């Protein structure tokens, strides 16, 4: 497994004009789920489906 960082844009699939840039998002090639900060998702009106506290 490997991890690396990318810059990306997250868009709401139901309202594509709502989007936000995310710098240095960590990508884990062995992960099953995406880990995106809640405040980023809320800015584009995407509901959090599951939350994990570390």
N, C-alpha and C. Protein backbone atom coordinates (compact mmCIF):
# COMPACT_ATOMS: atom_id res chain seq x y z
N UNK A 1 0.84 -1.17 0.00
CA UNK A 1 0.00 0.00 0.00
C UNK A 1 0.89 1.24 0.00
N UNK A 2 0.36 2.28 -0.58
CA UNK A 2 1.13 3.52 -0.69
C UNK A 2 0.21 4.71 -0.45
N UNK A 3 0.78 5.78 0.05
CA UNK A 3 0.04 7.03 0.19
C UNK A 3 0.78 8.14 -0.53
N UNK A 4 0.00 9.09 -1.05
CA UNK A 4 0.57 10.27 -1.69
C UNK A 4 -0.46 11.38 -1.58
N UNK A 5 -0.10 12.59 -1.98
CA UNK A 5 -1.00 13.74 -1.88
C UNK A 5 -1.24 14.35 -3.26
N UNK A 6 -2.48 14.81 -3.47
CA UNK A 6 -2.84 15.47 -4.72
C UNK A 6 -3.67 16.71 -4.42
N UNK A 7 -3.75 17.63 -5.36
CA UNK A 7 -4.69 18.74 -5.31
C UNK A 7 -5.89 18.31 -6.14
N UNK A 8 -7.10 18.56 -5.65
CA UNK A 8 -8.28 18.14 -6.39
C UNK A 8 -9.43 19.12 -6.20
N UNK A 9 -10.48 18.89 -6.95
CA UNK A 9 -11.71 19.68 -6.83
C UNK A 9 -12.82 18.71 -6.48
N UNK A 10 -13.58 19.04 -5.44
CA UNK A 10 -14.72 18.23 -5.02
C UNK A 10 -15.99 18.98 -5.44
N UNK A 11 -16.87 18.28 -6.14
CA UNK A 11 -18.12 18.88 -6.61
C UNK A 11 -19.30 18.09 -6.09
N UNK A 12 -20.41 18.78 -5.87
CA UNK A 12 -21.65 18.13 -5.49
C UNK A 12 -22.26 17.53 -6.76
N UNK A 13 -22.46 16.20 -6.82
CA UNK A 13 -22.98 15.58 -8.05
C UNK A 13 -24.39 16.04 -8.42
N UNK A 14 -25.16 16.53 -7.45
CA UNK A 14 -26.52 17.00 -7.73
C UNK A 14 -26.56 18.48 -8.06
N UNK A 15 -25.48 19.17 -7.80
CA UNK A 15 -25.37 20.60 -8.08
C UNK A 15 -23.91 20.89 -8.45
N UNK A 16 -23.50 20.51 -9.67
CA UNK A 16 -22.09 20.59 -10.07
C UNK A 16 -21.45 21.97 -9.96
N UNK A 17 -22.24 23.02 -9.95
CA UNK A 17 -21.65 24.35 -9.81
C UNK A 17 -21.11 24.59 -8.40
N UNK A 18 -21.55 23.77 -7.45
CA UNK A 18 -21.02 23.85 -6.09
C UNK A 18 -19.78 22.98 -6.04
N UNK A 19 -18.63 23.64 -5.97
CA UNK A 19 -17.37 22.89 -5.93
C UNK A 19 -16.37 23.65 -5.06
N UNK A 20 -15.36 22.91 -4.62
CA UNK A 20 -14.33 23.49 -3.76
C UNK A 20 -13.00 22.82 -4.08
N UNK A 21 -11.95 23.60 -4.02
CA UNK A 21 -10.61 23.08 -4.25
C UNK A 21 -10.04 22.56 -2.93
N UNK A 22 -9.41 21.40 -2.98
CA UNK A 22 -8.79 20.81 -1.80
C UNK A 22 -7.31 20.59 -2.14
N UNK A 23 -6.45 21.21 -1.39
CA UNK A 23 -5.01 21.09 -1.59
C UNK A 23 -4.45 19.96 -0.75
N UNK A 24 -3.52 19.24 -1.30
CA UNK A 24 -2.79 18.18 -0.61
C UNK A 24 -3.71 17.15 0.05
N UNK A 25 -4.69 16.65 -0.71
CA UNK A 25 -5.57 15.60 -0.22
C UNK A 25 -4.79 14.29 -0.22
N UNK A 26 -4.79 13.59 0.91
CA UNK A 26 -4.06 12.34 1.00
C UNK A 26 -4.82 11.22 0.29
N UNK A 27 -4.11 10.47 -0.53
CA UNK A 27 -4.67 9.32 -1.23
C UNK A 27 -3.97 8.09 -0.68
N UNK A 28 -4.76 7.12 -0.25
CA UNK A 28 -4.24 5.86 0.26
C UNK A 28 -4.68 4.77 -0.72
N UNK A 29 -3.75 4.16 -1.42
CA UNK A 29 -4.11 3.18 -2.45
C UNK A 29 -4.79 1.93 -1.89
N UNK A 30 -4.70 1.71 -0.59
CA UNK A 30 -5.34 0.54 0.00
C UNK A 30 -6.63 0.86 0.74
N UNK A 31 -7.06 2.10 0.71
CA UNK A 31 -8.26 2.50 1.46
C UNK A 31 -9.54 2.14 0.71
N UNK A 32 -10.60 1.86 1.47
CA UNK A 32 -11.90 1.58 0.88
C UNK A 32 -12.78 2.81 0.82
N UNK A 33 -12.48 3.81 1.64
CA UNK A 33 -13.31 5.01 1.72
C UNK A 33 -12.47 6.26 1.52
N UNK A 34 -13.15 7.35 1.17
CA UNK A 34 -12.48 8.65 1.06
C UNK A 34 -12.57 9.36 2.39
N UNK A 35 -11.53 10.07 2.75
CA UNK A 35 -11.49 10.85 3.99
C UNK A 35 -11.34 12.31 3.63
N UNK A 36 -12.43 13.04 3.71
CA UNK A 36 -12.44 14.45 3.34
C UNK A 36 -12.98 15.23 4.54
N UNK A 37 -12.32 16.32 4.92
CA UNK A 37 -12.78 17.09 6.08
C UNK A 37 -14.24 17.53 5.95
N UNK A 38 -14.98 17.37 7.05
CA UNK A 38 -16.41 17.69 7.09
C UNK A 38 -16.70 19.11 6.60
N UNK A 39 -15.90 20.09 7.02
CA UNK A 39 -16.16 21.48 6.63
C UNK A 39 -16.06 21.67 5.12
N UNK A 40 -15.21 20.89 4.46
CA UNK A 40 -15.11 20.96 2.99
C UNK A 40 -16.38 20.44 2.35
N UNK A 41 -16.89 19.32 2.86
CA UNK A 41 -18.12 18.75 2.31
C UNK A 41 -19.32 19.66 2.54
N UNK A 42 -19.40 20.24 3.72
CA UNK A 42 -20.52 21.13 4.03
C UNK A 42 -20.55 22.36 3.12
N UNK A 43 -19.39 22.84 2.70
CA UNK A 43 -19.33 24.01 1.82
C UNK A 43 -19.98 23.75 0.46
N UNK A 44 -19.99 22.50 0.02
CA UNK A 44 -20.61 22.16 -1.26
C UNK A 44 -21.91 21.36 -1.07
N UNK A 45 -22.46 21.42 0.14
CA UNK A 45 -23.75 20.80 0.48
C UNK A 45 -23.78 19.28 0.26
N UNK A 46 -22.68 18.62 0.61
CA UNK A 46 -22.64 17.15 0.58
C UNK A 46 -22.80 16.66 2.01
N UNK A 47 -23.75 15.76 2.21
CA UNK A 47 -24.01 15.22 3.55
C UNK A 47 -22.97 14.17 3.92
N UNK A 48 -22.55 14.21 5.15
CA UNK A 48 -21.62 13.22 5.68
C UNK A 48 -22.40 11.93 5.93
N UNK A 49 -21.89 10.81 5.42
CA UNK A 49 -22.59 9.54 5.58
C UNK A 49 -22.08 8.75 6.78
N UNK A 50 -20.82 8.92 7.08
CA UNK A 50 -20.23 8.19 8.20
C UNK A 50 -19.12 9.05 8.78
N UNK A 51 -19.01 9.05 10.08
CA UNK A 51 -17.97 9.83 10.71
C UNK A 51 -17.15 8.93 11.62
N UNK A 52 -15.85 9.12 11.59
CA UNK A 52 -14.96 8.36 12.45
C UNK A 52 -14.08 9.35 13.22
N UNK A 53 -14.08 9.23 14.52
CA UNK A 53 -13.22 10.07 15.35
C UNK A 53 -12.00 9.29 15.76
N UNK A 54 -10.86 9.92 15.60
CA UNK A 54 -9.61 9.24 15.97
C UNK A 54 -9.15 9.66 17.34
